[in-house]
Amino acid sequence: MKIEENPQKIENEEKGNLSLEKGAKIDINDLHEKLGHPAEEMVKLTGNYMKLSIQGKMDNCENCAIVKMRQKNVEKGPKEKL
């Protein structure tokens, strides 16, 4: 019993880890997520460096917005009773 696998086919299917061919088309929002949520300029620079064809417009990223939120200040001492 002989199992044959085409390594080139497997490499091209591994889109989760950005094993993309030169000139591959990818949505800018997908690339933003796969690169770890960098700024739009860095996504474009990295995509160009990787010779990817970036498509679409950058949407507001919910995960990035959550990380940038700031918790409301909490007083450290007890409140005074009137």
N, C-alpha and C. Protein backbone atom coordinates (compact mmCIF):
# COMPACT_ATOMS: atom_id res chain seq x y z
N MET A 1 0.84 -1.17 0.00
CA MET A 1 0.00 0.00 0.00
C MET A 1 0.89 1.24 0.00
N LYS A 2 0.78 2.04 -1.04
CA LYS A 2 1.63 3.21 -1.19
C LYS A 2 0.77 4.47 -1.14
N ILE A 3 1.14 5.39 -0.29
CA ILE A 3 0.42 6.66 -0.16
C ILE A 3 1.24 7.74 -0.83
N GLU A 4 0.63 8.38 -1.82
CA GLU A 4 1.32 9.46 -2.51
C GLU A 4 0.69 10.80 -2.14
N GLU A 5 1.51 11.72 -1.78
CA GLU A 5 1.04 13.07 -1.47
C GLU A 5 1.82 14.06 -2.32
N ASN A 6 1.14 15.05 -2.75
CA ASN A 6 1.78 16.10 -3.53
C ASN A 6 2.14 17.23 -2.58
N PRO A 7 3.43 17.39 -2.21
CA PRO A 7 3.80 18.43 -1.24
C PRO A 7 3.44 19.84 -1.71
N GLN A 8 3.49 20.08 -2.99
CA GLN A 8 3.16 21.41 -3.51
C GLN A 8 1.68 21.70 -3.29
N LYS A 9 0.83 20.70 -3.49
CA LYS A 9 -0.61 20.88 -3.28
C LYS A 9 -0.89 21.17 -1.81
N ILE A 10 -0.25 20.43 -0.92
CA ILE A 10 -0.45 20.64 0.52
C ILE A 10 -0.01 22.04 0.91
N GLU A 11 1.13 22.48 0.41
CA GLU A 11 1.65 23.81 0.74
C GLU A 11 0.69 24.91 0.30
N ASN A 12 0.09 24.76 -0.86
CA ASN A 12 -0.82 25.77 -1.37
C ASN A 12 -2.14 25.80 -0.61
N GLU A 13 -2.53 24.70 0.02
CA GLU A 13 -3.79 24.64 0.75
C GLU A 13 -3.66 25.19 2.16
N GLU A 14 -2.47 25.33 2.69
CA GLU A 14 -2.26 25.78 4.05
C GLU A 14 -2.40 27.30 4.13
N LYS A 15 -3.62 27.78 4.07
CA LYS A 15 -3.86 29.22 4.08
C LYS A 15 -3.85 29.76 5.51
N GLY A 16 -4.07 28.92 6.51
CA GLY A 16 -4.11 29.37 7.89
C GLY A 16 -2.79 29.91 8.38
N ASN A 17 -1.68 29.41 7.83
CA ASN A 17 -0.38 29.89 8.27
C ASN A 17 0.31 30.74 7.20
N LEU A 18 -0.48 31.29 6.30
CA LEU A 18 0.00 32.20 5.25
C LEU A 18 1.01 31.57 4.29
N SER A 19 0.84 30.29 3.96
CA SER A 19 1.67 29.67 2.93
C SER A 19 1.04 29.98 1.57
N LEU A 20 1.15 31.21 1.15
CA LEU A 20 0.51 31.66 -0.08
C LEU A 20 1.54 31.82 -1.19
N GLU A 21 1.08 31.61 -2.41
CA GLU A 21 1.95 31.79 -3.57
C GLU A 21 2.15 33.27 -3.84
N LYS A 22 3.19 33.60 -4.57
CA LYS A 22 3.38 34.99 -5.00
C LYS A 22 2.22 35.38 -5.88
N GLY A 23 1.71 36.58 -5.67
CA GLY A 23 0.60 37.08 -6.49
C GLY A 23 -0.76 36.58 -6.04
N ALA A 24 -0.83 35.79 -4.97
CA ALA A 24 -2.12 35.28 -4.48
C ALA A 24 -2.99 36.45 -4.03
N LYS A 25 -4.29 36.33 -4.28
CA LYS A 25 -5.22 37.37 -3.88
C LYS A 25 -5.71 37.08 -2.46
N ILE A 26 -5.70 38.12 -1.62
CA ILE A 26 -6.16 37.96 -0.24
C ILE A 26 -6.84 39.25 0.19
N ASP A 27 -7.90 39.10 0.96
CA ASP A 27 -8.62 40.26 1.50
C ASP A 27 -7.77 40.90 2.60
N ILE A 28 -7.74 42.22 2.64
CA ILE A 28 -6.91 42.93 3.61
C ILE A 28 -7.33 42.62 5.05
N ASN A 29 -8.63 42.38 5.28
CA ASN A 29 -9.09 42.07 6.63
C ASN A 29 -8.63 40.68 7.08
N ASP A 30 -8.60 39.72 6.15
CA ASP A 30 -8.09 38.39 6.48
C ASP A 30 -6.59 38.45 6.79
N LEU A 31 -5.86 39.20 6.00
CA LEU A 31 -4.43 39.33 6.22
C LEU A 31 -4.16 40.04 7.55
N HIS A 32 -4.94 41.06 7.86
CA HIS A 32 -4.82 41.78 9.13
C HIS A 32 -4.96 40.82 10.31
N GLU A 33 -5.94 39.93 10.23
CA GLU A 33 -6.18 38.96 11.30
C GLU A 33 -5.04 37.94 11.38
N LYS A 34 -4.60 37.44 10.24
CA LYS A 34 -3.58 36.40 10.21
C LYS A 34 -2.20 36.90 10.63
N LEU A 35 -1.96 38.20 10.45
CA LEU A 35 -0.67 38.77 10.85
C LEU A 35 -0.65 39.20 12.32
N GLY A 36 -1.77 39.07 13.02
CA GLY A 36 -1.80 39.41 14.44
C GLY A 36 -2.32 40.80 14.72
N HIS A 37 -3.16 41.33 13.83
CA HIS A 37 -3.84 42.62 14.01
C HIS A 37 -2.90 43.84 14.03
N PRO A 38 -1.96 43.93 13.07
CA PRO A 38 -1.15 45.15 13.00
C PRO A 38 -1.93 46.29 12.35
N ALA A 39 -1.34 47.47 12.35
CA ALA A 39 -1.97 48.64 11.73
C ALA A 39 -2.10 48.43 10.21
N GLU A 40 -3.03 49.18 9.60
CA GLU A 40 -3.32 49.02 8.17
C GLU A 40 -2.07 49.21 7.32
N GLU A 41 -1.27 50.21 7.65
CA GLU A 41 -0.05 50.48 6.88
C GLU A 41 0.90 49.28 6.92
N MET A 42 1.03 48.65 8.09
CA MET A 42 1.92 47.49 8.23
C MET A 42 1.37 46.29 7.45
N VAL A 43 0.05 46.13 7.44
CA VAL A 43 -0.56 45.03 6.68
C VAL A 43 -0.24 45.19 5.20
N LYS A 44 -0.38 46.42 4.70
CA LYS A 44 -0.11 46.69 3.29
C LYS A 44 1.37 46.49 2.96
N LEU A 45 2.26 46.99 3.82
CA LEU A 45 3.69 46.84 3.58
C LEU A 45 4.10 45.37 3.60
N THR A 46 3.57 44.61 4.56
CA THR A 46 3.90 43.19 4.66
C THR A 46 3.35 42.42 3.46
N GLY A 47 2.11 42.73 3.07
CA GLY A 47 1.52 42.08 1.90
C GLY A 47 2.30 42.36 0.63
N ASN A 48 2.74 43.60 0.47
CA ASN A 48 3.55 43.96 -0.71
C ASN A 48 4.90 43.24 -0.67
N TYR A 49 5.49 43.14 0.51
CA TYR A 49 6.78 42.45 0.66
C TYR A 49 6.63 40.97 0.30
N MET A 50 5.49 40.39 0.68
CA MET A 50 5.22 38.97 0.38
C MET A 50 4.70 38.78 -1.04
N LYS A 51 4.61 39.87 -1.79
CA LYS A 51 4.14 39.87 -3.18
C LYS A 51 2.73 39.29 -3.30
N LEU A 52 1.84 39.72 -2.38
CA LEU A 52 0.45 39.32 -2.39
C LEU A 52 -0.38 40.41 -3.04
N SER A 53 -1.47 40.02 -3.66
CA SER A 53 -2.40 40.98 -4.24
C SER A 53 -3.48 41.26 -3.20
N ILE A 54 -3.36 42.39 -2.51
CA ILE A 54 -4.29 42.74 -1.43
C ILE A 54 -5.53 43.37 -2.02
N GLN A 55 -6.70 42.87 -1.57
CA GLN A 55 -7.96 43.37 -2.08
C GLN A 55 -8.83 43.86 -0.94
N GLY A 56 -9.78 44.72 -1.28
CA GLY A 56 -10.75 45.18 -0.30
C GLY A 56 -10.30 46.41 0.46
N LYS A 57 -11.17 46.84 1.35
CA LYS A 57 -10.93 48.02 2.18
C LYS A 57 -10.90 47.58 3.64
N MET A 58 -10.03 48.17 4.41
CA MET A 58 -9.89 47.81 5.82
C MET A 58 -11.13 48.23 6.60
N ASP A 59 -11.78 47.26 7.24
CA ASP A 59 -12.94 47.52 8.08
C ASP A 59 -12.48 47.73 9.52
N ASN A 60 -13.38 48.26 10.35
CA ASN A 60 -13.08 48.37 11.78
C ASN A 60 -13.02 46.97 12.36
N CYS A 61 -11.94 46.66 13.04
CA CYS A 61 -11.73 45.34 13.61
C CYS A 61 -12.25 45.33 15.04
N GLU A 62 -13.21 44.46 15.33
CA GLU A 62 -13.80 44.39 16.66
C GLU A 62 -12.76 44.00 17.72
N ASN A 63 -11.89 43.05 17.39
CA ASN A 63 -10.87 42.61 18.35
C ASN A 63 -9.89 43.75 18.69
N CYS A 64 -9.52 44.54 17.69
CA CYS A 64 -8.62 45.67 17.93
C CYS A 64 -9.31 46.72 18.80
N ALA A 65 -10.61 46.95 18.57
CA ALA A 65 -11.35 47.93 19.36
C ALA A 65 -11.45 47.50 20.82
N ILE A 66 -11.66 46.21 21.05
CA ILE A 66 -11.76 45.69 22.42
C ILE A 66 -10.44 45.88 23.16
N VAL A 67 -9.34 45.60 22.49
CA VAL A 67 -8.02 45.73 23.12
C VAL A 67 -7.72 47.19 23.47
N LYS A 68 -8.19 48.12 22.65
CA LYS A 68 -7.90 49.54 22.87
C LYS A 68 -8.82 50.19 23.90
N MET A 69 -9.85 49.48 24.35
CA MET A 69 -10.76 50.05 25.36
C MET A 69 -10.02 50.26 26.67
N ARG A 70 -10.52 51.20 27.46
CA ARG A 70 -9.93 51.50 28.75
C ARG A 70 -11.00 51.32 29.82
N GLN A 71 -10.62 50.63 30.89
CA GLN A 71 -11.57 50.40 31.98
C GLN A 71 -11.79 51.69 32.76
N LYS A 72 -13.00 51.88 33.26
CA LYS A 72 -13.34 53.06 34.04
C LYS A 72 -12.54 53.06 35.35
N ASN A 73 -12.09 54.24 35.77
CA ASN A 73 -11.32 54.35 37.02
C ASN A 73 -12.17 53.93 38.22
N VAL A 74 -11.53 53.30 39.18
CA VAL A 74 -12.18 52.87 40.40
C VAL A 74 -11.48 53.57 41.57
N GLU A 75 -12.26 54.16 42.47
CA GLU A 75 -11.66 54.82 43.63
C GLU A 75 -10.99 53.81 44.53
N LYS A 76 -9.86 54.20 45.11
CA LYS A 76 -9.09 53.27 45.94
C LYS A 76 -9.53 53.27 47.39
N GLY A 77 -10.10 54.35 47.86
CA GLY A 77 -10.50 54.44 49.27
C GLY A 77 -11.99 54.29 49.45
N PRO A 78 -12.44 54.21 50.69
CA PRO A 78 -13.88 54.10 50.94
C PRO A 78 -14.56 55.45 50.67
N LYS A 79 -15.82 55.38 50.29
CA LYS A 79 -16.59 56.60 50.04
C LYS A 79 -16.98 57.21 51.39
N GLU A 80 -17.04 58.55 51.42
CA GLU A 80 -17.46 59.24 52.65
C GLU A 80 -18.97 59.22 52.77
N LYS A 81 -19.45 59.00 53.99
CA LYS A 81 -20.89 59.03 54.23
C LYS A 81 -21.29 60.43 54.61
N LEU A 82 -22.40 60.90 54.08
CA LEU A 82 -22.89 62.23 54.38
C LEU A 82 -23.87 62.23 55.49
